[in-house]
PDB file of all heavy atoms in Angstrom:
ATOM      1  N   HIS A   1       0.821  -1.206   0.000  1.00  0.00           N
ATOM      2  CA  HIS A   1       0.000   0.000   0.000  1.00  0.00           C
ATOM      3  C   HIS A   1       0.861   1.265   0.000  1.00  0.00           C
ATOM      4  O   HIS A   1       0.347   2.359   0.254  1.00  0.00           O
ATOM      5  CB  HIS A   1      -0.925  -0.004   1.217  1.00  0.00           C
ATOM      6  CG  HIS A   1      -2.076  -0.959   1.102  1.00  0.00           C
ATOM      7  ND1 HIS A   1      -3.337  -0.574   0.703  1.00  0.00           N
ATOM      8  CD2 HIS A   1      -2.142  -2.298   1.295  1.00  0.00           C
ATOM      9  CE1 HIS A   1      -4.133  -1.626   0.675  1.00  0.00           C
ATOM     10  NE2 HIS A   1      -3.435  -2.685   1.035  1.00  0.00           N
ATOM     11  N   GLY A   2       2.156   1.107  -0.255  1.00  0.00           N
ATOM     12  CA  GLY A   2       3.042   2.266  -0.349  1.00  0.00           C
ATOM     13  C   GLY A   2       3.397   2.887   0.971  1.00  0.00           C
ATOM     14  O   GLY A   2       3.764   4.069   1.025  1.00  0.00           O
ATOM     15  N   ILE A   3       3.330   2.124   2.075  1.00  0.00           N
ATOM     16  CA  ILE A   3       3.653   2.641   3.400  1.00  0.00           C
ATOM     17  C   ILE A   3       4.959   2.015   3.877  1.00  0.00           C
ATOM     18  O   ILE A   3       5.109   0.790   3.856  1.00  0.00           O
ATOM     19  CB  ILE A   3       2.527   2.331   4.417  1.00  0.00           C
ATOM     20  CG1 ILE A   3       1.223   2.994   3.966  1.00  0.00           C
ATOM     21  CG2 ILE A   3       2.911   2.817   5.813  1.00  0.00           C
ATOM     22  CD1 ILE A   3       0.017   2.574   4.770  1.00  0.00           C
ATOM     23  N   TYR A   4       5.898   2.855   4.317  1.00  0.00           N
ATOM     24  CA  TYR A   4       7.209   2.406   4.771  1.00  0.00           C
ATOM     25  C   TYR A   4       7.431   2.929   6.186  1.00  0.00           C
ATOM     26  O   TYR A   4       7.304   4.122   6.441  1.00  0.00           O
ATOM     27  CB  TYR A   4       8.289   2.894   3.804  1.00  0.00           C
ATOM     28  CG  TYR A   4       8.035   2.374   2.409  1.00  0.00           C
ATOM     29  CD1 TYR A   4       7.186   3.061   1.537  1.00  0.00           C
ATOM     30  CD2 TYR A   4       8.577   1.170   1.991  1.00  0.00           C
ATOM     31  CE1 TYR A   4       6.900   2.563   0.269  1.00  0.00           C
ATOM     32  CE2 TYR A   4       8.296   0.656   0.728  1.00  0.00           C
ATOM     33  CZ  TYR A   4       7.456   1.359  -0.118  1.00  0.00           C
ATOM     34  OH  TYR A   4       7.164   0.842  -1.363  1.00  0.00           O
ATOM     35  N   HIS A   5       7.779   2.027   7.098  1.00  0.00           N
ATOM     36  CA  HIS A   5       7.797   2.370   8.520  1.00  0.00           C
ATOM     37  C   HIS A   5       8.980   3.245   8.891  1.00  0.00           C
ATOM     38  O   HIS A   5       8.844   4.227   9.608  1.00  0.00           O
ATOM     39  CB  HIS A   5       7.800   1.089   9.359  1.00  0.00           C
ATOM     40  CG  HIS A   5       7.534   1.326  10.810  1.00  0.00           C
ATOM     41  ND1 HIS A   5       8.549   1.628  11.712  1.00  0.00           N
ATOM     42  CD2 HIS A   5       6.386   1.315  11.524  1.00  0.00           C
ATOM     43  CE1 HIS A   5       8.020   1.781  12.911  1.00  0.00           C
ATOM     44  NE2 HIS A   5       6.718   1.603  12.828  1.00  0.00           N
ATOM     45  N   ARG A   6      10.195   2.875   8.499  1.00  0.00           N
ATOM     46  CA  ARG A   6      11.439   3.630   8.707  1.00  0.00           C
ATOM     47  C   ARG A   6      11.919   3.674  10.156  1.00  0.00           C
ATOM     48  O   ARG A   6      12.936   4.325  10.436  1.00  0.00           O
ATOM     49  CB  ARG A   6      11.314   5.067   8.174  1.00  0.00           C
ATOM     50  CG  ARG A   6      11.050   5.157   6.696  1.00  0.00           C
ATOM     51  CD  ARG A   6      11.424   6.493   6.117  1.00  0.00           C
ATOM     52  NE  ARG A   6      10.579   7.572   6.601  1.00  0.00           N
ATOM     53  CZ  ARG A   6      10.665   8.822   6.157  1.00  0.00           C
ATOM     54  NH1 ARG A   6      11.560   9.147   5.250  1.00  0.00           N
ATOM     55  NH2 ARG A   6       9.866   9.762   6.629  1.00  0.00           N
ATOM     56  N   ASP A   7      11.226   3.019  11.080  1.00  0.00           N
ATOM     57  CA  ASP A   7      11.662   3.052  12.482  1.00  0.00           C
ATOM     58  C   ASP A   7      11.363   1.706  13.139  1.00  0.00           C
ATOM     59  O   ASP A   7      10.908   1.643  14.276  1.00  0.00           O
ATOM     60  CB  ASP A   7      10.952   4.189  13.222  1.00  0.00           C
ATOM     61  CG  ASP A   7      11.600   4.496  14.570  1.00  0.00           C
ATOM     62  OD1 ASP A   7      12.755   4.074  14.780  1.00  0.00           O
ATOM     63  OD2 ASP A   7      10.949   5.158  15.396  1.00  0.00           O
ATOM     64  N   LEU A   8      11.665   0.629  12.415  1.00  0.00           N
ATOM     65  CA  LEU A   8      11.327  -0.705  12.893  1.00  0.00           C
ATOM     66  C   LEU A   8      12.405  -1.205  13.848  1.00  0.00           C
ATOM     67  O   LEU A   8      13.556  -1.386  13.469  1.00  0.00           O
ATOM     68  CB  LEU A   8      11.206  -1.658  11.697  1.00  0.00           C
ATOM     69  CG  LEU A   8      10.495  -2.979  11.941  1.00  0.00           C
ATOM     70  CD1 LEU A   8       9.015  -2.750  12.201  1.00  0.00           C
ATOM     71  CD2 LEU A   8      10.683  -3.915  10.756  1.00  0.00           C
ATOM     72  N   MET A   9      12.024  -1.403  15.109  1.00  0.00           N
ATOM     73  CA  MET A   9      12.949  -1.909  16.124  1.00  0.00           C
ATOM     74  C   MET A   9      12.120  -2.566  17.218  1.00  0.00           C
ATOM     75  O   MET A   9      10.899  -2.366  17.294  1.00  0.00           O
ATOM     76  CB  MET A   9      13.805  -0.774  16.687  1.00  0.00           C
ATOM     77  CG  MET A   9      13.035   0.396  17.233  1.00  0.00           C
ATOM     78  SD  MET A   9      14.147   1.701  17.801  1.00  0.00           S
ATOM     79  CE  MET A   9      12.994   3.033  18.129  1.00  0.00           C
ATOM     80  N   PRO A  10      12.743  -3.377  18.083  1.00  0.00           N
ATOM     81  CA  PRO A  10      11.966  -4.094  19.099  1.00  0.00           C
ATOM     82  C   PRO A  10      11.089  -3.193  19.960  1.00  0.00           C
ATOM     83  O   PRO A  10       9.992  -3.589  20.351  1.00  0.00           O
ATOM     84  CB  PRO A  10      13.055  -4.777  19.948  1.00  0.00           C
ATOM     85  CG  PRO A  10      14.185  -4.989  19.001  1.00  0.00           C
ATOM     86  CD  PRO A  10      14.165  -3.781  18.095  1.00  0.00           C
ATOM     87  N   GLN A  11      11.546  -1.968  20.253  1.00  0.00           N
ATOM     88  CA  GLN A  11      10.761  -1.069  21.091  1.00  0.00           C
ATOM     89  C   GLN A  11       9.445  -0.656  20.434  1.00  0.00           C
ATOM     90  O   GLN A  11       8.518  -0.216  21.103  1.00  0.00           O
ATOM     91  CB  GLN A  11      11.571   0.189  21.434  1.00  0.00           C
ATOM     92  CG  GLN A  11      12.761  -0.094  22.330  1.00  0.00           C
ATOM     93  CD  GLN A  11      14.029  -0.380  21.533  1.00  0.00           C
ATOM     94  OE1 GLN A  11      13.963  -0.873  20.423  1.00  0.00           O
ATOM     95  NE2 GLN A  11      15.174  -0.053  22.117  1.00  0.00           N
ATOM     96  N   ASN A  12       9.367  -0.782  19.103  1.00  0.00           N
ATOM     97  CA  ASN A  12       8.149  -0.409  18.385  1.00  0.00           C
ATOM     98  C   ASN A  12       7.334  -1.621  17.958  1.00  0.00           C
ATOM     99  O   ASN A  12       6.445  -1.508  17.110  1.00  0.00           O
ATOM    100  CB  ASN A  12       8.495   0.450  17.162  1.00  0.00           C
ATOM    101  CG  ASN A  12       8.982   1.829  17.561  1.00  0.00           C
ATOM    102  OD1 ASN A  12       8.662   2.317  18.635  1.00  0.00           O
ATOM    103  ND2 ASN A  12       9.762   2.458  16.700  1.00  0.00           N
ATOM    104  N   ILE A  13       7.648  -2.775  18.529  1.00  0.00           N
ATOM    105  CA  ILE A  13       6.873  -3.992  18.291  1.00  0.00           C
ATOM    106  C   ILE A  13       6.195  -4.362  19.602  1.00  0.00           C
ATOM    107  O   ILE A  13       6.856  -4.583  20.617  1.00  0.00           O
ATOM    108  CB  ILE A  13       7.763  -5.157  17.823  1.00  0.00           C
ATOM    109  CG1 ILE A  13       8.574  -4.750  16.590  1.00  0.00           C
ATOM    110  CG2 ILE A  13       6.913  -6.392  17.534  1.00  0.00           C
ATOM    111  CD1 ILE A  13       7.758  -4.397  15.374  1.00  0.00           C
ATOM    112  N   LEU A  14       4.882  -4.414  19.602  1.00  0.00           N
ATOM    113  CA  LEU A  14       4.118  -4.728  20.803  1.00  0.00           C
ATOM    114  C   LEU A  14       3.455  -6.094  20.662  1.00  0.00           C
ATOM    115  O   LEU A  14       3.212  -6.569  19.551  1.00  0.00           O
ATOM    116  CB  LEU A  14       3.053  -3.662  21.047  1.00  0.00           C
ATOM    117  CG  LEU A  14       3.546  -2.210  21.146  1.00  0.00           C
ATOM    118  CD1 LEU A  14       2.385  -1.278  21.419  1.00  0.00           C
ATOM    119  CD2 LEU A  14       4.618  -2.070  22.212  1.00  0.00           C
ATOM    120  N   LEU A  15       3.155  -6.699  21.804  1.00  0.00           N
ATOM    121  CA  LEU A  15       2.481  -7.987  21.836  1.00  0.00           C
ATOM    122  C   LEU A  15       1.141  -7.835  22.542  1.00  0.00           C
ATOM    123  O   LEU A  15       1.004  -7.046  23.458  1.00  0.00           O
ATOM    124  CB  LEU A  15       3.322  -9.027  22.591  1.00  0.00           C
ATOM    125  CG  LEU A  15       4.780  -9.220  22.130  1.00  0.00           C
ATOM    126  CD1 LEU A  15       5.461 -10.261  22.999  1.00  0.00           C
ATOM    127  CD2 LEU A  15       4.837  -9.610  20.674  1.00  0.00           C
ATOM    128  N   THR A  16       0.152  -8.607  22.110  1.00  0.00           N
ATOM    129  CA  THR A  16      -1.119  -8.632  22.807  1.00  0.00           C
ATOM    130  C   THR A  16      -0.957  -9.385  24.120  1.00  0.00           C
ATOM    131  O   THR A  16       0.062 -10.036  24.362  1.00  0.00           O
ATOM    132  CB  THR A  16      -2.201  -9.308  21.958  1.00  0.00           C
ATOM    133  OG1 THR A  16      -1.756 -10.618  21.607  1.00  0.00           O
ATOM    134  CG2 THR A  16      -2.457  -8.518  20.682  1.00  0.00           C
ATOM    135  N   ASP A  17      -1.980  -9.324  24.972  1.00  0.00           N
ATOM    136  CA  ASP A  17      -1.897  -9.961  26.283  1.00  0.00           C
ATOM    137  C   ASP A  17      -1.589 -11.446  26.192  1.00  0.00           C
ATOM    138  O   ASP A  17      -0.929 -12.012  27.053  1.00  0.00           O
ATOM    139  CB  ASP A  17      -3.205  -9.754  27.060  1.00  0.00           C
ATOM    140  CG  ASP A  17      -3.350  -8.318  27.544  1.00  0.00           C
ATOM    141  OD1 ASP A  17      -2.318  -7.639  27.655  1.00  0.00           O
ATOM    142  OD2 ASP A  17      -4.479  -7.887  27.808  1.00  0.00           O
ATOM    143  N   SER A  18      -2.067 -12.105  25.141  1.00  0.00           N
ATOM    144  CA  SER A  18      -1.819 -13.541  24.978  1.00  0.00           C
ATOM    145  C   SER A  18      -0.401 -13.822  24.494  1.00  0.00           C
ATOM    146  O   SER A  18       0.021 -14.977  24.464  1.00  0.00           O
ATOM    147  CB  SER A  18      -2.809 -14.126  23.964  1.00  0.00           C
ATOM    148  OG  SER A  18      -2.598 -13.551  22.682  1.00  0.00           O
ATOM    149  N   ARG A  19       0.314 -12.779  24.106  1.00  0.00           N
ATOM    150  CA  ARG A  19       1.672 -12.883  23.548  1.00  0.00           C
ATOM    151  C   ARG A  19       1.700 -13.748  22.294  1.00  0.00           C
ATOM    152  O   ARG A  19       2.740 -14.284  21.911  1.00  0.00           O
ATOM    153  CB  ARG A  19       2.665 -13.412  24.601  1.00  0.00           C
ATOM    154  CG  ARG A  19       2.738 -12.548  25.845  1.00  0.00           C
ATOM    155  CD  ARG A  19       3.811 -12.985  26.818  1.00  0.00           C
ATOM    156  NE  ARG A  19       5.141 -12.592  26.371  1.00  0.00           N
ATOM    157  CZ  ARG A  19       5.662 -11.372  26.525  1.00  0.00           C
ATOM    158  NH1 ARG A  19       4.933 -10.429  27.080  1.00  0.00           N
ATOM    159  NH2 ARG A  19       6.875 -11.104  26.125  1.00  0.00           N
ATOM    160  N   SER A  20       0.579 -13.871  21.645  1.00  0.00           N
ATOM    161  CA  SER A  20       0.505 -14.668  20.420  1.00  0.00           C
ATOM    162  C   SER A  20       0.378 -13.794  19.184  1.00  0.00           C
ATOM    163  O   SER A  20       0.570 -14.269  18.059  1.00  0.00           O
ATOM    164  CB  SER A  20      -0.687 -15.635  20.486  1.00  0.00           C
ATOM    165  OG  SER A  20      -1.900 -14.910  20.584  1.00  0.00           O
ATOM    166  N   ARG A  21       0.064 -12.520  19.370  1.00  0.00           N
ATOM    167  CA  ARG A  21      -0.149 -11.614  18.243  1.00  0.00           C
ATOM    168  C   ARG A  21       0.806 -10.444  18.333  1.00  0.00           C
ATOM    169  O   ARG A  21       0.980  -9.847  19.397  1.00  0.00           O
ATOM    170  CB  ARG A  21      -1.600 -11.124  18.262  1.00  0.00           C
ATOM    171  CG  ARG A  21      -2.025 -10.439  16.985  1.00  0.00           C
ATOM    172  CD  ARG A  21      -3.545 -10.312  16.915  1.00  0.00           C
ATOM    173  NE  ARG A  21      -3.898  -9.093  16.213  1.00  0.00           N
ATOM    174  CZ  ARG A  21      -4.467  -8.040  16.766  1.00  0.00           C
ATOM    175  NH1 ARG A  21      -4.770  -8.056  18.051  1.00  0.00           N
ATOM    176  NH2 ARG A  21      -4.744  -6.978  16.060  1.00  0.00           N
ATOM    177  N   THR A  22       1.445 -10.122  17.235  1.00  0.00           N
ATOM    178  CA  THR A  22       2.453  -9.071  17.175  1.00  0.00           C
ATOM    179  C   THR A  22       1.891  -7.848  16.459  1.00  0.00           C
ATOM    180  O   THR A  22       1.242  -7.982  15.423  1.00  0.00           O
ATOM    181  CB  THR A  22       3.701  -9.569  16.421  1.00  0.00           C
ATOM    182  OG1 THR A  22       4.086 -10.833  16.938  1.00  0.00           O
ATOM    183  CG2 THR A  22       4.848  -8.598  16.563  1.00  0.00           C
ATOM    184  N   LEU A  23       2.160  -6.665  16.995  1.00  0.00           N
ATOM    185  CA  LEU A  23       1.654  -5.420  16.422  1.00  0.00           C
ATOM    186  C   LEU A  23       2.803  -4.453  16.178  1.00  0.00           C
ATOM    187  O   LEU A  23       3.659  -4.262  17.046  1.00  0.00           O
ATOM    188  CB  LEU A  23       0.642  -4.760  17.365  1.00  0.00           C
ATOM    189  CG  LEU A  23      -0.591  -5.565  17.747  1.00  0.00           C
ATOM    190  CD1 LEU A  23      -1.374  -4.837  18.836  1.00  0.00           C
ATOM    191  CD2 LEU A  23      -1.476  -5.825  16.541  1.00  0.00           C
ATOM    192  N   ILE A  24       2.814  -3.828  15.013  1.00  0.00           N
ATOM    193  CA  ILE A  24       3.760  -2.756  14.729  1.00  0.00           C
ATOM    194  C   ILE A  24       3.111  -1.439  15.145  1.00  0.00           C
ATOM    195  O   ILE A  24       1.953  -1.177  14.824  1.00  0.00           O
ATOM    196  CB  ILE A  24       4.135  -2.712  13.242  1.00  0.00           C
ATOM    197  CG1 ILE A  24       4.767  -4.030  12.797  1.00  0.00           C
ATOM    198  CG2 ILE A  24       5.084  -1.553  12.963  1.00  0.00           C
ATOM    199  CD1 ILE A  24       5.099  -4.085  11.319  1.00  0.00           C
ATOM    200  N   THR A  25       3.853  -0.620  15.868  1.00  0.00           N
ATOM    201  CA  THR A  25       3.316   0.667  16.309  1.00  0.00           C
ATOM    202  C   THR A  25       4.332   1.773  16.024  1.00  0.00           C
ATOM    203  O   THR A  25       5.370   1.531  15.409  1.00  0.00           O
ATOM    204  CB  THR A  25       2.958   0.615  17.813  1.00  0.00           C
ATOM    205  OG1 THR A  25       2.255   1.810  18.158  1.00  0.00           O
ATOM    206  CG2 THR A  25       4.206   0.482  18.667  1.00  0.00           C
ATOM    207  N   ASP A  26       4.031   2.977  16.473  1.00  0.00           N
ATOM    208  CA  ASP A  26       4.875   4.166  16.325  1.00  0.00           C
ATOM    209  C   ASP A  26       5.188   4.457  14.858  1.00  0.00           C
ATOM    210  O   ASP A  26       6.281   4.176  14.362  1.00  0.00           O
ATOM    211  CB  ASP A  26       6.168   4.037  17.128  1.00  0.00           C
ATOM    212  CG  ASP A  26       6.804   5.405  17.369  1.00  0.00           C
ATOM    213  OD1 ASP A  26       6.379   6.373  16.714  1.00  0.00           O
ATOM    214  OD2 ASP A  26       7.711   5.506  18.209  1.00  0.00           O
ATOM    215  N   PHE A  27       4.215   5.052  14.181  1.00  0.00           N
ATOM    216  CA  PHE A  27       4.363   5.417  12.773  1.00  0.00           C
ATOM    217  C   PHE A  27       4.751   6.884  12.609  1.00  0.00           C
ATOM    218  O   PHE A  27       4.470   7.488  11.579  1.00  0.00           O
ATOM    219  CB  PHE A  27       3.057   5.118  12.019  1.00  0.00           C
ATOM    220  CG  PHE A  27       2.882   3.663  11.673  1.00  0.00           C
ATOM    221  CD1 PHE A  27       2.605   2.733  12.660  1.00  0.00           C
ATOM    222  CD2 PHE A  27       3.018   3.223  10.369  1.00  0.00           C
ATOM    223  CE1 PHE A  27       2.449   1.390  12.357  1.00  0.00           C
ATOM    224  CE2 PHE A  27       2.874   1.885  10.051  1.00  0.00           C
ATOM    225  CZ  PHE A  27       2.575   0.955  11.038  1.00  0.00           C
ATOM    226  N   GLY A  28       5.406   7.443  13.626  1.00  0.00           N
ATOM    227  CA  GLY A  28       5.805   8.844  13.564  1.00  0.00           C
ATOM    228  C   GLY A  28       6.847   9.146  12.508  1.00  0.00           C
ATOM    229  O   GLY A  28       6.990  10.285  12.068  1.00  0.00           O
ATOM    230  N   HIS A  29       7.622   8.111  12.088  1.00  0.00           N
ATOM    231  CA  HIS A  29       8.620   8.305  11.032  1.00  0.00           C
ATOM    232  C   HIS A  29       8.150   7.741   9.699  1.00  0.00           C
ATOM    233  O   HIS A  29       8.905   7.774   8.715  1.00  0.00           O
ATOM    234  CB  HIS A  29       9.931   7.593  11.408  1.00  0.00           C
ATOM    235  CG  HIS A  29      10.672   8.235  12.538  1.00  0.00           C
ATOM    236  ND1 HIS A  29      11.357   9.419  12.406  1.00  0.00           N
ATOM    237  CD2 HIS A  29      10.826   7.858  13.834  1.00  0.00           C
ATOM    238  CE1 HIS A  29      11.910   9.737  13.569  1.00  0.00           C
ATOM    239  NE2 HIS A  29      11.604   8.808  14.454  1.00  0.00           N
ATOM    240  N   ALA A  30       6.936   7.191   9.647  1.00  0.00           N
ATOM    241  CA  ALA A  30       6.487   6.478   8.454  1.00  0.00           C
ATOM    242  C   ALA A  30       6.323   7.404   7.256  1.00  0.00           C
ATOM    243  O   ALA A  30       6.045   8.597   7.394  1.00  0.00           O
ATOM    244  CB  ALA A  30       5.173   5.760   8.741  1.00  0.00           C
ATOM    245  N   TYR A  31       6.499   6.827   6.082  1.00  0.00           N
ATOM    246  CA  TYR A  31       6.360   7.536   4.810  1.00  0.00           C
ATOM    247  C   TYR A  31       5.280   6.824   4.013  1.00  0.00           C
ATOM    248  O   TYR A  31       5.374   5.622   3.790  1.00  0.00           O
ATOM    249  CB  TYR A  31       7.686   7.504   4.057  1.00  0.00           C
ATOM    250  CG  TYR A  31       7.779   8.404   2.851  1.00  0.00           C
ATOM    251  CD1 TYR A  31       8.723   9.419   2.799  1.00  0.00           C
ATOM    252  CD2 TYR A  31       6.943   8.247   1.756  1.00  0.00           C
ATOM    253  CE1 TYR A  31       8.820  10.246   1.693  1.00  0.00           C
ATOM    254  CE2 TYR A  31       7.028   9.065   0.649  1.00  0.00           C
ATOM    255  CZ  TYR A  31       7.967  10.068   0.618  1.00  0.00           C
ATOM    256  OH  TYR A  31       8.059  10.886  -0.471  1.00  0.00           O
ATOM    257  N   HIS A  32       4.258   7.553   3.596  1.00  0.00           N
ATOM    258  CA  HIS A  32       3.200   6.980   2.777  1.00  0.00           C
ATOM    259  C   HIS A  32       3.404   7.449   1.342  1.00  0.00           C
ATOM    260  O   HIS A  32       3.099   8.579   0.992  1.00  0.00           O
ATOM    261  CB  HIS A  32       1.830   7.405   3.302  1.00  0.00           C
ATOM    262  CG  HIS A  32       0.704   6.563   2.801  1.00  0.00           C
ATOM    263  ND1 HIS A  32      -0.523   6.533   3.401  1.00  0.00           N
ATOM    264  CD2 HIS A  32       0.618   5.708   1.759  1.00  0.00           C
ATOM    265  CE1 HIS A  32      -1.323   5.695   2.764  1.00  0.00           C
ATOM    266  NE2 HIS A  32      -0.649   5.201   1.755  1.00  0.00           N
ATOM    267  N   LEU A  33       3.953   6.584   0.525  1.00  0.00           N
ATOM    268  CA  LEU A  33       4.297   6.916  -0.855  1.00  0.00           C
ATOM    269  C   LEU A  33       3.032   7.301  -1.623  1.00  0.00           C
ATOM    270  O   LEU A  33       2.032   6.611  -1.569  1.00  0.00           O
ATOM    271  CB  LEU A  33       4.959   5.705  -1.519  1.00  0.00           C
ATOM    272  CG  LEU A  33       5.748   5.932  -2.803  1.00  0.00           C
ATOM    273  CD1 LEU A  33       6.956   6.818  -2.538  1.00  0.00           C
ATOM    274  CD2 LEU A  33       6.205   4.600  -3.384  1.00  0.00           C
ATOM    275  N   GLY A  34       3.088   8.406  -2.323  1.00  0.00           N
ATOM    276  CA  GLY A  34       1.947   8.818  -3.132  1.00  0.00           C
ATOM    277  C   GLY A  34       0.902   9.595  -2.359  1.00  0.00           C
ATOM    278  O   GLY A  34      -0.091  10.044  -2.941  1.00  0.00           O
ATOM    279  N   ARG A  35       1.076   9.747  -1.032  1.00  0.00           N
ATOM    280  CA  ARG A  35       0.136  10.531  -0.228  1.00  0.00           C
ATOM    281  C   ARG A  35       0.935  11.635   0.463  1.00  0.00           C
ATOM    282  O   ARG A  35       1.397  11.446   1.591  1.00  0.00           O
ATOM    283  CB  ARG A  35      -0.588   9.648   0.787  1.00  0.00           C
ATOM    284  CG  ARG A  35      -1.489   8.604   0.139  1.00  0.00           C
ATOM    285  CD  ARG A  35      -2.023   7.617   1.163  1.00  0.00           C
ATOM    286  NE  ARG A  35      -2.937   8.237   2.101  1.00  0.00           N
ATOM    287  CZ  ARG A  35      -4.241   8.320   1.923  1.00  0.00           C
ATOM    288  NH1 ARG A  35      -4.785   7.815   0.831  1.00  0.00           N
ATOM    289  NH2 ARG A  35      -5.025   8.877   2.824  1.00  0.00           N
ATOM    290  N   PRO A  36       1.164  12.754  -0.200  1.00  0.00           N
ATOM    291  CA  PRO A  36       2.058  13.795   0.320  1.00  0.00           C
ATOM    292  C   PRO A  36       1.678  14.233   1.729  1.00  0.00           C
ATOM    293  O   PRO A  36       0.509  14.387   2.073  1.00  0.00           O
ATOM    294  CB  PRO A  36       1.867  14.942  -0.679  1.00  0.00           C
ATOM    295  CG  PRO A  36       1.424  14.266  -1.940  1.00  0.00           C
ATOM    296  CD  PRO A  36       0.569  13.121  -1.484  1.00  0.00           C
TER     297      PRO A  36
END
């Protein structure tokens, strides 16, 4: 979808309470290609 995170590191990866599902967070540095 033209979205690039640019800040992928363990501190920006969260787990749900079950620790079975992984979530990417902190899109403050993200770049959305084609959406100025």
